[in-house]
Amino acid sequence: MAELGQETVEFSTLVSRTAEESYLSLKELVDKSRSSEQSDSEKKINLLKFLVKTQQRMLRLNVLAKWCQQVPLIQYCQQLASTLSNHDMCFTQAADSLFFMHEGLQQARAPIYDVPSSIEVLLTGNYQRLPKCIEDVGIQSTLTEDQQKPALKKLDTLVRSKLLEVTLPKDISEVKVSDGTVMLRVEGEFKVLVTLGYRGHLTMWRILHLELLVGEKSGLVKLEELRKHALGDDLERRMAASENPFIILYSVLHELCVALVMDTLIRQVQSLRQGRWKDAIRFELVSDASVGQSGSAASMQMSQDGETDTAGLRTPGLKIIYWLDFDRISSTSDTGSCPFIKIEPGPDLQIKCLHSSFVIDPATGKEAEISLDQSCIDAEKLLLRAICCNRYTRLLEIYKELAKNSQICRVAGDIVLQCHADESDVHSKKKDSKSDARQCEGQEVLRVRAYGSSFFTLGINIRVGKTIVVCLVKHKPLVLNRLGEEEWNRQAIGSKWGDNGMIIAQSLFKRSF
């Protein structure tokens, strides 16, 4: 009944109301008979009317009670009627759709091709039925030189006015308008030549030339022609549908360049890992979700054969760890004490190079800024730059600690920090093939006076970060024995540099005479 929009009541409520109304009617009839002077006939008539009325109510209530037993069947019939009505509506809509589709098929049918004319053009290269008037009209494919100059000038004006209406990304380093085209350049990433006229619309941009400026020593990265055309078509379509076309252009190409840079770095580090830097470095792929989580980083670490698991990584970062024996040399149990350099895209998708610790640039004496030249990517050069700054920082710490010792540093010149070894040191190191001190050749060294004109030359091995001590007496090298050198590294590398290590080195030097 509720489906038909009528109000419903409980059957028990209906029974109680019927009984209550009958009782009230009977009570009213009795009171009226007592209070008024009515004849017996009138009383009998009123009583008869009450009985008839009450009988009709009870009969209706009885009929309603029997009818309620058949409600599920009625509801089922109503559902069937509703279903049939829906089917009728669907059949009507299907008939209408078929009618209109029939008219559409008449227009969408395949055209009747002119096969004989096609065969004639294919075999003879001519079409005899071509009207002769077309030859008289003629078609001029290009403009003359006198017409090109004002046309290009007008196109330049149109391009410049269009550039004022759009927003250019701040990362674009060069914008140049000439001959009706715009040259956009981002250093180390890409160079694009665009103009107006995409699909004949002078309000939309069209890409004429696209060149990537990401490269390495062997040259710039070259895209295949098919991929370049597909990329250009996709960019033109996105730029035409966007209110800020150059922001779309920059974001897509910048993300592509970042991925190419990281892929090139990973490939170069794999080559170093399998070549000259084997067992001297290791590397891991890192992402935002795995930064600071050793378990996640370890799960993404590359295997010895260079295989990686990059599932779920969009543009992973790279973590190059060097001086792998640093924790063993420093006698610490912390496996994370090895220094590393991390190259990864930041939140703004700009590639940043961060060192694990504070390092100083030997050239400026300030905090070192490690940057990546994306036009000539060289992972080994980046690694050597980080090692050079870290080595200089360690030697500077040793220099400061030894300068505080009055027994070692008595006068100026007793301790000298040199950014490059002098020619005598280089010459002496070349003669001693058994010494590991040749790793410091042409690099940062610390010279400490033993006595007289005799100096200790302290260097740091570029591969393992181990301190190397060489004693020079009258330009003849005397290399400390392996035990003394290990004792220096064990005592000198720690929370404090040098006092104990230098005293041990001095005693070993004096005992060698």
Protein backbone atom coordinates (compact mmCIF):
# COMPACT_ATOMS: atom_id res chain seq x y z
CA MET A 1 0.00 0.00 0.00
CA ALA A 2 2.90 2.34 0.69
CA GLU A 3 3.92 2.05 -2.95
CA LEU A 4 0.68 3.71 -4.02
CA GLY A 5 1.35 6.75 -1.87
CA GLN A 6 -1.41 6.09 0.73
CA GLU A 7 -1.05 6.38 4.45
CA THR A 8 -0.80 3.10 6.35
CA VAL A 9 -1.69 2.13 9.91
CA GLU A 10 -1.15 -0.96 11.98
CA PHE A 11 -3.97 -3.54 11.89
CA SER A 12 -3.95 -3.73 15.68
CA THR A 13 -4.41 0.03 15.88
CA LEU A 14 -7.39 -0.21 13.52
CA VAL A 15 -9.02 -2.92 15.65
CA SER A 16 -8.53 -0.95 18.85
CA ARG A 17 -9.98 2.22 17.30
CA THR A 18 -13.05 0.29 16.03
CA ALA A 19 -13.72 -1.22 19.43
CA GLU A 20 -13.22 2.12 21.15
CA GLU A 21 -15.63 3.94 18.80
CA SER A 22 -18.27 1.21 19.24
CA TYR A 23 -17.97 1.42 23.00
CA LEU A 24 -18.25 5.23 22.98
CA SER A 25 -21.27 5.10 20.67
CA LEU A 26 -23.01 2.56 22.97
CA LYS A 27 -22.22 4.63 26.08
CA GLU A 28 -23.56 7.77 24.39
CA LEU A 29 -26.75 5.90 23.41
CA VAL A 30 -27.31 4.70 27.00
CA ASP A 31 -26.71 8.14 28.49
CA LYS A 32 -29.04 9.75 25.98
CA SER A 33 -31.75 7.23 26.70
CA ARG A 34 -31.56 7.95 30.43
CA SER A 35 -31.45 11.73 30.27
CA SER A 36 -34.09 12.42 27.62
CA GLU A 37 -37.69 11.54 27.51
CA GLN A 38 -37.96 9.19 24.57
CA SER A 39 -40.61 6.74 23.71
CA ASP A 40 -39.89 3.07 23.55
CA SER A 41 -40.14 3.06 19.81
CA GLU A 42 -37.54 5.82 19.46
CA LYS A 43 -35.17 4.00 21.81
CA LYS A 44 -35.59 0.81 19.83
CA ILE A 45 -34.93 2.66 16.56
CA ASN A 46 -31.69 4.25 17.93
CA LEU A 47 -30.56 0.90 19.29
CA LEU A 48 -31.23 -0.73 15.91
CA LYS A 49 -29.21 1.96 14.13
CA PHE A 50 -26.31 1.41 16.54
CA LEU A 51 -26.42 -2.33 15.95
CA VAL A 52 -26.47 -1.93 12.15
CA LYS A 53 -23.63 0.55 12.21
CA THR A 54 -21.54 -1.61 14.53
CA GLN A 55 -22.31 -4.68 12.39
CA GLN A 56 -21.06 -2.91 9.25
CA ARG A 57 -17.84 -1.89 11.02
CA MET A 58 -17.20 -5.42 12.19
CA LEU A 59 -17.94 -6.83 8.74
CA ARG A 60 -15.48 -4.37 7.16
CA LEU A 61 -12.87 -5.25 9.79
CA ASN A 62 -13.40 -8.95 9.07
CA VAL A 63 -13.05 -8.38 5.32
CA LEU A 64 -9.88 -6.33 5.92
CA ALA A 65 -8.40 -9.09 8.10
CA LYS A 66 -8.99 -11.68 5.36
CA TRP A 67 -7.57 -9.30 2.74
CA CYS A 68 -4.36 -8.75 4.71
CA GLN A 69 -3.59 -12.43 4.38
CA GLN A 70 -3.33 -11.93 0.58
CA VAL A 71 -0.97 -8.83 0.68
CA PRO A 72 2.24 -10.69 -0.47
CA LEU A 73 0.41 -11.92 -3.56
CA ILE A 74 -0.81 -8.41 -4.35
CA GLN A 75 2.66 -6.97 -3.93
CA TYR A 76 4.07 -9.61 -6.24
CA CYS A 77 1.47 -8.71 -8.87
CA GLN A 78 2.40 -5.06 -8.53
CA GLN A 79 6.09 -5.91 -9.09
CA LEU A 80 5.21 -7.89 -12.20
CA ALA A 81 3.22 -4.95 -13.52
CA SER A 82 6.14 -2.58 -12.87
CA THR A 83 8.57 -4.96 -14.61
CA LEU A 84 6.31 -5.24 -17.65
CA SER A 85 6.05 -1.45 -17.78
CA ASN A 86 9.86 -1.14 -17.77
CA HIS A 87 10.14 -3.74 -20.52
CA ASP A 88 7.61 -1.84 -22.59
CA MET A 89 9.65 1.36 -22.18
CA CYS A 90 12.89 -0.40 -23.15
CA PHE A 91 11.30 -1.92 -26.26
CA THR A 92 10.02 1.49 -27.26
CA GLN A 93 13.46 3.08 -26.85
CA ALA A 94 15.10 0.22 -28.79
CA ALA A 95 12.66 0.70 -31.66
CA ASP A 96 13.36 4.44 -31.75
CA SER A 97 17.13 3.84 -31.69
CA LEU A 98 16.93 1.34 -34.55
CA PHE A 99 14.87 3.81 -36.56
CA PHE A 100 17.41 6.63 -36.20
CA MET A 101 20.32 4.22 -36.68
CA HIS A 102 18.88 3.18 -40.01
CA GLU A 103 19.05 6.79 -41.21
CA GLY A 104 22.61 7.12 -39.86
CA LEU A 105 23.77 3.97 -41.64
CA GLN A 106 22.66 5.45 -44.92
CA GLN A 107 25.10 8.31 -44.39
CA ALA A 108 27.91 6.20 -42.87
CA ARG A 109 28.04 3.59 -45.58
CA ALA A 110 31.31 3.15 -47.48
CA PRO A 111 31.64 5.41 -50.52
CA ILE A 112 31.81 4.06 -54.02
CA TYR A 113 35.48 4.31 -54.95
CA ASP A 114 36.53 5.32 -58.44
CA VAL A 115 38.62 2.23 -59.05
CA PRO A 116 39.21 2.80 -62.82
CA SER A 117 40.56 6.32 -62.26
CA SER A 118 42.79 5.06 -59.44
CA ILE A 119 44.24 2.36 -61.69
CA GLU A 120 44.83 4.95 -64.42
CA VAL A 121 46.75 7.26 -62.08
CA LEU A 122 48.72 4.35 -60.59
CA LEU A 123 49.79 2.86 -63.93
CA THR A 124 50.15 5.89 -66.21
CA GLY A 125 50.75 8.71 -63.74
CA ASN A 126 48.14 10.83 -65.56
CA TYR A 127 44.46 11.58 -65.22
CA GLN A 128 42.81 12.27 -68.56
CA ARG A 129 39.56 13.52 -67.03
CA LEU A 130 41.26 16.36 -65.11
CA PRO A 131 39.73 19.71 -66.18
CA LYS A 132 41.99 21.81 -68.40
CA CYS A 133 41.11 25.00 -66.51
CA ILE A 134 43.20 23.87 -63.51
CA GLU A 135 46.36 24.09 -65.63
CA ASP A 136 45.55 27.68 -66.52
CA VAL A 137 45.15 28.72 -62.85
CA GLY A 138 48.45 27.31 -61.61
CA ILE A 139 49.60 27.06 -57.96
CA GLN A 140 52.38 29.16 -56.39
CA SER A 141 53.93 27.03 -53.62
CA THR A 142 56.24 29.59 -51.97
CA LEU A 143 56.39 33.33 -51.48
CA THR A 144 58.95 35.47 -53.22
CA GLU A 145 61.77 37.10 -51.26
CA ASP A 146 60.03 40.46 -51.35
CA GLN A 147 56.89 38.87 -49.93
CA GLN A 148 58.70 36.80 -47.29
CA LYS A 149 60.21 39.77 -45.40
CA PRO A 150 56.93 41.57 -44.55
CA ALA A 151 55.24 38.21 -43.85
CA LEU A 152 57.97 37.17 -41.39
CA LYS A 153 57.90 40.61 -39.77
CA LYS A 154 54.16 40.37 -39.28
CA LEU A 155 54.55 36.81 -37.92
CA ASP A 156 57.24 38.01 -35.47
CA THR A 157 54.85 40.65 -34.16
CA LEU A 158 52.10 38.07 -33.79
CA VAL A 159 54.43 35.65 -31.98
CA ARG A 160 55.68 38.33 -29.56
CA SER A 161 52.14 39.43 -28.72
CA LYS A 162 51.16 35.80 -28.14
CA LEU A 163 54.13 35.31 -25.81
CA LEU A 164 52.91 38.20 -23.67
CA GLU A 165 49.62 36.39 -23.10
CA VAL A 166 51.12 33.17 -21.74
CA THR A 167 53.21 32.30 -18.67
CA LEU A 168 56.79 31.17 -19.24
CA PRO A 169 58.44 28.90 -16.65
CA LYS A 170 61.23 30.63 -14.74
CA ASP A 171 63.59 27.73 -15.45
CA ILE A 172 63.75 28.59 -19.17
CA SER A 173 67.17 30.25 -19.53
CA GLU A 174 66.84 31.67 -23.06
CA VAL A 175 63.93 32.89 -25.18
CA LYS A 176 64.71 34.13 -28.69
CA VAL A 177 62.27 35.25 -31.40
CA SER A 178 63.43 35.30 -35.02
CA ASP A 179 61.92 34.61 -38.46
CA GLY A 180 58.50 33.94 -36.98
CA THR A 181 59.77 31.25 -34.57
CA VAL A 182 60.53 31.10 -30.85
CA MET A 183 63.59 29.30 -29.53
CA LEU A 184 63.23 28.09 -25.92
CA ARG A 185 66.33 26.73 -24.19
CA VAL A 186 66.92 25.17 -20.79
CA GLU A 187 70.62 24.63 -20.08
CA GLY A 188 71.55 21.00 -19.76
CA GLU A 189 68.06 19.77 -20.65
CA PHE A 190 66.49 20.70 -24.00
CA LYS A 191 66.08 23.22 -26.82
CA VAL A 192 62.76 23.65 -28.64
CA LEU A 193 61.82 25.67 -31.74
CA VAL A 194 58.09 26.55 -31.90
CA THR A 195 55.81 28.76 -33.95
CA LEU A 196 52.11 29.49 -34.36
CA GLY A 197 49.79 27.56 -36.68
CA TYR A 198 48.97 24.20 -35.10
CA ARG A 199 46.39 22.60 -37.42
CA GLY A 200 45.85 25.95 -39.14
CA HIS A 201 45.01 27.86 -35.92
CA LEU A 202 47.16 30.94 -35.38
CA THR A 203 46.36 30.86 -31.65
CA MET A 204 47.96 27.46 -31.05
CA TRP A 205 51.64 26.50 -30.92
CA ARG A 206 53.39 24.10 -33.24
CA ILE A 207 56.75 22.38 -32.56
CA LEU A 208 59.23 22.65 -35.43
CA HIS A 209 62.35 21.16 -33.84
CA LEU A 210 63.17 19.40 -30.59
CA GLU A 211 66.68 18.68 -29.30
CA LEU A 212 67.78 17.20 -25.98
CA LEU A 213 70.87 18.71 -24.34
CA VAL A 214 71.43 15.82 -21.91
CA GLY A 215 74.63 13.94 -22.71
CA GLU A 216 77.91 12.43 -21.59
CA LYS A 217 81.47 12.26 -22.88
CA SER A 218 80.44 10.36 -26.00
CA GLY A 219 77.92 13.06 -26.97
CA LEU A 220 74.34 14.16 -26.46
CA VAL A 221 71.49 11.70 -26.09
CA LYS A 222 69.79 11.08 -29.42
CA LEU A 223 66.12 10.15 -29.66
CA GLU A 224 64.88 7.97 -32.47
CA GLU A 225 62.96 9.83 -35.16
CA LEU A 226 59.76 7.90 -34.47
CA ARG A 227 59.95 8.63 -30.75
CA LYS A 228 60.78 12.28 -31.42
CA HIS A 229 57.77 12.69 -33.74
CA ALA A 230 55.48 10.89 -31.29
CA LEU A 231 56.72 13.10 -28.45
CA GLY A 232 56.24 16.24 -30.55
CA ASP A 233 52.68 15.27 -31.53
CA ASP A 234 51.77 14.53 -27.92
CA LEU A 235 53.22 17.86 -26.75
CA GLU A 236 51.37 19.81 -29.45
CA ARG A 237 48.10 18.16 -28.51
CA ARG A 238 48.59 18.90 -24.79
CA MET A 239 49.67 22.48 -25.44
CA ALA A 240 46.61 23.12 -27.62
CA ALA A 241 44.28 21.95 -24.81
CA SER A 242 46.03 23.90 -22.01
CA GLU A 243 45.77 27.52 -20.93
CA ASN A 244 49.51 27.48 -20.05
CA PRO A 245 51.08 25.63 -23.00
CA PHE A 246 54.73 26.37 -22.14
CA ILE A 247 54.33 25.11 -18.57
CA ILE A 248 53.05 21.83 -20.02
CA LEU A 249 55.96 21.78 -22.49
CA TYR A 250 58.54 22.36 -19.76
CA SER A 251 57.06 19.89 -17.26
CA VAL A 252 56.95 17.02 -19.78
CA LEU A 253 60.42 17.60 -21.23
CA HIS A 254 61.97 18.32 -17.81
CA GLU A 255 60.65 15.05 -16.41
CA LEU A 256 62.00 13.23 -19.48
CA CYS A 257 65.43 14.83 -19.03
CA VAL A 258 65.53 13.97 -15.32
CA ALA A 259 64.78 10.32 -16.15
CA LEU A 260 67.50 10.30 -18.84
CA VAL A 261 70.05 11.85 -16.45
CA MET A 262 69.36 9.31 -13.72
CA ASP A 263 69.44 6.39 -16.20
CA THR A 264 72.78 7.62 -17.55
CA LEU A 265 74.22 7.97 -14.04
CA ILE A 266 73.08 4.49 -13.04
CA ARG A 267 74.57 2.99 -16.19
CA GLN A 268 77.90 4.79 -15.66
CA VAL A 269 78.08 3.72 -12.02
CA GLN A 270 77.39 0.13 -13.07
CA SER A 271 80.35 0.36 -15.45
CA LEU A 272 82.57 1.77 -12.68
CA ARG A 273 81.39 -0.96 -10.34
CA GLN A 274 82.43 -3.60 -12.86
CA GLY A 275 85.65 -1.83 -13.88
CA ARG A 276 88.31 0.22 -12.12
CA TRP A 277 86.21 0.93 -9.00
CA LYS A 278 85.30 -2.69 -8.41
CA ASP A 279 85.10 -3.54 -4.67
CA ALA A 280 85.83 0.15 -3.92
CA ILE A 281 82.29 1.51 -4.21
CA ARG A 282 78.75 0.29 -4.04
CA PHE A 283 75.50 2.02 -4.82
CA GLU A 284 71.81 1.86 -4.08
CA LEU A 285 68.63 3.17 -5.62
CA VAL A 286 66.66 5.39 -3.27
CA SER A 287 63.23 6.95 -3.43
CA ASP A 288 61.17 9.25 -1.21
CA ALA A 289 59.56 6.26 0.48
CA SER A 290 62.89 4.59 1.29
CA VAL A 291 64.94 7.56 2.51
CA GLY A 292 66.07 6.87 6.01
CA GLN A 293 64.84 3.26 5.96
CA SER A 294 67.70 0.83 5.81
CA GLY A 295 65.45 -2.12 5.08
CA SER A 296 63.88 -0.52 2.04
CA ALA A 297 67.20 0.77 0.78
CA ALA A 298 68.75 -2.66 1.14
CA SER A 299 65.93 -4.22 -0.81
CA MET A 300 66.66 -1.89 -3.72
CA GLN A 301 70.43 -2.39 -3.64
CA MET A 302 71.87 -3.56 -6.94
CA SER A 303 73.41 -6.98 -7.24
CA GLN A 304 76.97 -7.69 -8.32
CA ASP A 305 75.95 -8.37 -11.93
CA GLY A 306 74.17 -5.02 -12.20
CA GLU A 307 70.57 -6.28 -12.09
CA THR A 308 68.09 -3.99 -10.34
CA ASP A 309 64.57 -4.17 -9.10
CA THR A 310 63.00 -0.83 -9.98
CA ALA A 311 59.39 -1.88 -9.61
CA GLY A 312 57.28 0.92 -8.25
CA LEU A 313 59.99 3.57 -8.75
CA ARG A 314 59.21 6.41 -11.10
CA THR A 315 62.44 8.40 -11.02
CA PRO A 316 64.71 6.81 -8.39
CA GLY A 317 67.67 8.58 -6.86
CA LEU A 318 71.21 7.21 -6.71
CA LYS A 319 73.37 6.74 -3.62
CA ILE A 320 77.10 6.13 -4.28
CA ILE A 321 78.93 4.80 -1.22
CA TYR A 322 82.73 4.93 -1.17
CA TRP A 323 85.53 4.10 1.31
CA LEU A 324 83.81 0.83 2.16
CA ASP A 325 86.51 -0.11 4.69
CA PHE A 326 86.12 3.16 6.58
CA ASP A 327 84.08 1.58 9.37
CA ARG A 328 86.67 -1.21 9.76
CA ILE A 329 89.56 1.27 9.83
CA SER A 330 87.85 3.45 12.40
CA SER A 331 87.12 0.35 14.57
CA THR A 332 83.40 1.13 14.75
CA SER A 333 80.52 -1.26 14.47
CA ASP A 334 78.30 1.23 12.67
CA THR A 335 77.94 0.02 9.09
CA GLY A 336 76.53 3.38 8.08
CA SER A 337 79.74 5.28 8.81
CA CYS A 338 80.92 4.98 5.19
CA PRO A 339 80.62 8.33 3.41
CA PHE A 340 78.37 8.60 0.40
CA ILE A 341 77.03 11.05 -2.15
CA LYS A 342 73.34 11.05 -3.02
CA ILE A 343 71.99 12.26 -6.36
CA GLU A 344 68.22 12.49 -6.59
CA PRO A 345 65.45 14.73 -7.93
CA GLY A 346 64.12 17.11 -5.31
CA PRO A 347 60.47 18.07 -4.69
CA ASP A 348 60.80 20.58 -7.56
CA LEU A 349 62.26 17.81 -9.81
CA GLN A 350 65.64 19.55 -9.87
CA ILE A 351 68.53 17.10 -9.53
CA LYS A 352 70.50 17.74 -6.35
CA CYS A 353 73.82 16.26 -5.19
CA LEU A 354 74.21 15.93 -1.42
CA HIS A 355 77.16 14.59 0.56
CA SER A 356 76.59 12.57 3.68
CA SER A 357 78.77 14.90 5.77
CA PHE A 358 79.99 18.48 5.71
CA VAL A 359 82.95 18.85 3.32
CA ILE A 360 85.08 21.83 2.35
CA ASP A 361 86.15 22.86 -1.14
CA PRO A 362 90.00 23.08 -1.31
CA ALA A 363 89.79 25.88 -3.87
CA THR A 364 87.56 28.23 -1.89
CA GLY A 365 87.87 27.05 1.70
CA LYS A 366 84.07 27.14 2.01
CA GLU A 367 81.42 24.46 2.02
CA ALA A 368 81.72 22.43 -1.15
CA GLU A 369 78.95 22.67 -3.72
CA ILE A 370 78.74 19.41 -5.63
CA SER A 371 76.81 19.83 -8.86
CA LEU A 372 76.15 17.71 -11.92
CA ASP A 373 76.83 18.91 -15.47
CA GLN A 374 73.84 17.41 -17.28
CA SER A 375 75.22 18.22 -20.72
CA CYS A 376 78.31 16.09 -20.00
CA ILE A 377 77.41 13.57 -17.30
CA ASP A 378 80.45 11.97 -15.68
CA ALA A 379 79.76 9.84 -12.61
CA GLU A 380 83.46 9.21 -11.97
CA LYS A 381 84.25 12.94 -12.03
CA LEU A 382 81.43 13.56 -9.57
CA LEU A 383 82.76 10.80 -7.30
CA LEU A 384 86.33 12.13 -7.45
CA ARG A 385 85.08 15.62 -6.65
CA ALA A 386 83.33 14.34 -3.51
CA ILE A 387 86.37 12.28 -2.46
CA CYS A 388 88.70 15.25 -3.03
CA CYS A 389 86.61 17.53 -0.81
CA ASN A 390 86.20 14.85 1.85
CA ARG A 391 89.95 14.13 1.86
CA TYR A 392 90.79 17.82 2.19
CA THR A 393 88.30 18.16 5.06
CA ARG A 394 89.85 15.24 6.95
CA LEU A 395 93.39 16.56 6.47
CA LEU A 396 92.23 20.00 7.62
CA GLU A 397 90.85 18.44 10.81
CA ILE A 398 94.19 16.71 11.39
CA TYR A 399 95.97 20.00 10.74
CA LYS A 400 93.86 21.84 13.34
CA GLU A 401 94.34 19.14 15.96
CA LEU A 402 98.12 18.96 15.46
CA ALA A 403 98.44 22.75 15.49
CA LYS A 404 97.12 22.72 19.06
CA ASN A 405 99.97 20.43 20.20
CA SER A 406 102.95 22.57 21.26
CA GLN A 407 105.31 19.55 21.09
CA ILE A 408 104.57 19.04 17.38
CA CYS A 409 103.93 22.59 16.17
CA ARG A 410 106.67 24.79 17.68
CA VAL A 411 107.16 27.34 14.92
CA ALA A 412 105.40 28.30 11.73
CA GLY A 413 106.11 25.83 8.94
CA ASP A 414 106.21 22.72 11.13
CA ILE A 415 102.78 21.73 9.80
CA VAL A 416 101.85 22.56 6.20
CA LEU A 417 98.65 21.58 4.39
CA GLN A 418 99.31 21.39 0.66
CA CYS A 419 96.60 20.99 -1.94
CA HIS A 420 99.15 19.33 -4.28
CA ALA A 421 102.23 17.30 -3.54
CA ASP A 422 105.51 18.94 -4.55
CA GLU A 423 107.69 17.58 -7.30
CA SER A 424 110.18 15.97 -4.90
CA ASP A 425 107.38 14.04 -3.21
CA VAL A 426 105.96 12.94 -6.52
CA HIS A 427 109.40 11.90 -7.74
CA SER A 428 110.13 9.92 -4.59
CA LYS A 429 106.70 8.25 -4.63
CA LYS A 430 107.17 7.08 -8.22
CA LYS A 431 110.41 5.35 -7.28
CA ASP A 432 108.85 3.34 -4.46
CA SER A 433 106.53 0.86 -6.18
CA LYS A 434 105.82 -0.99 -2.95
CA SER A 435 104.28 1.99 -1.21
CA ASP A 436 100.60 2.84 -1.24
CA ALA A 437 101.54 6.49 -0.91
CA ARG A 438 101.46 6.87 -4.69
CA GLN A 439 97.70 7.19 -4.32
CA CYS A 440 98.34 10.72 -2.96
CA GLU A 441 100.31 11.76 -6.02
CA GLY A 442 99.25 15.22 -7.12
CA GLN A 443 96.59 15.37 -4.40
CA GLU A 444 96.05 16.97 -0.98
CA VAL A 445 98.76 16.08 1.58
CA LEU A 446 99.72 17.20 5.07
CA ARG A 447 103.43 17.69 5.86
CA VAL A 448 104.51 17.50 9.49
CA ARG A 449 108.11 18.25 10.57
CA ALA A 450 109.72 15.40 12.48
CA TYR A 451 113.02 17.23 13.21
CA GLY A 452 115.41 19.25 11.15
CA SER A 453 114.52 19.03 7.48
CA SER A 454 112.74 15.67 7.82
CA PHE A 455 108.99 15.64 7.35
CA PHE A 456 106.14 13.22 7.59
CA THR A 457 103.88 13.35 4.56
CA LEU A 458 100.32 12.35 5.37
CA GLY A 459 97.90 11.47 2.59
CA ILE A 460 94.61 9.63 2.30
CA ASN A 461 94.09 6.70 -0.03
CA ILE A 462 91.52 7.63 -2.64
CA ARG A 463 89.95 4.14 -2.78
CA VAL A 464 89.67 3.12 0.88
CA GLY A 465 90.07 6.39 2.81
CA LYS A 466 93.04 5.02 4.70
CA THR A 467 95.68 7.41 6.04
CA ILE A 468 99.11 6.90 4.44
CA VAL A 469 102.25 8.08 6.23
CA VAL A 470 105.58 8.50 4.38
CA CYS A 471 108.85 9.55 6.03
CA LEU A 472 111.31 11.53 3.86
CA VAL A 473 114.94 11.87 4.86
CA LYS A 474 117.21 13.78 2.48
CA HIS A 475 114.78 13.15 -0.37
CA LYS A 476 114.96 9.37 0.10
CA PRO A 477 111.67 7.77 0.98
CA LEU A 478 111.35 5.59 4.05
CA VAL A 479 107.90 4.06 4.21
CA LEU A 480 106.59 3.12 7.63
CA ASN A 481 106.02 -0.55 8.07
CA ARG A 482 102.54 -1.98 7.76
CA LEU A 483 102.16 -2.38 11.51
CA GLY A 484 102.97 1.27 12.18
CA GLU A 485 100.62 2.48 9.50
CA GLU A 486 97.77 0.37 10.84
CA GLU A 487 98.54 1.65 14.33
CA TRP A 488 98.28 5.23 13.02
CA ASN A 489 94.93 4.55 11.38
CA ARG A 490 93.63 2.79 14.45
CA GLN A 491 94.65 5.61 16.81
CA ALA A 492 94.23 8.62 14.54
CA ILE A 493 90.81 7.89 13.07
CA GLY A 494 88.17 8.39 15.68
CA SER A 495 86.49 11.12 17.58
CA LYS A 496 89.80 13.09 17.77
CA TRP A 497 92.47 13.33 15.12
CA GLY A 498 96.07 13.04 15.67
CA ASP A 499 97.75 13.49 19.01
CA ASN A 500 98.13 9.80 19.80
CA GLY A 501 98.61 8.86 16.16
CA MET A 502 101.28 11.50 15.56
CA ILE A 503 103.21 10.58 18.70
CA ILE A 504 103.17 6.93 17.57
CA ALA A 505 104.34 7.96 14.10
CA GLN A 506 107.16 10.08 15.58
CA SER A 507 108.39 7.22 17.75
CA LEU A 508 108.34 4.83 14.81
CA PHE A 509 110.20 7.36 12.69
CA LYS A 510 112.97 7.81 15.30
CA ARG A 511 113.32 4.06 15.83
CA SER A 512 113.94 3.62 12.10
CA PHE A 513 117.38 5.32 12.47
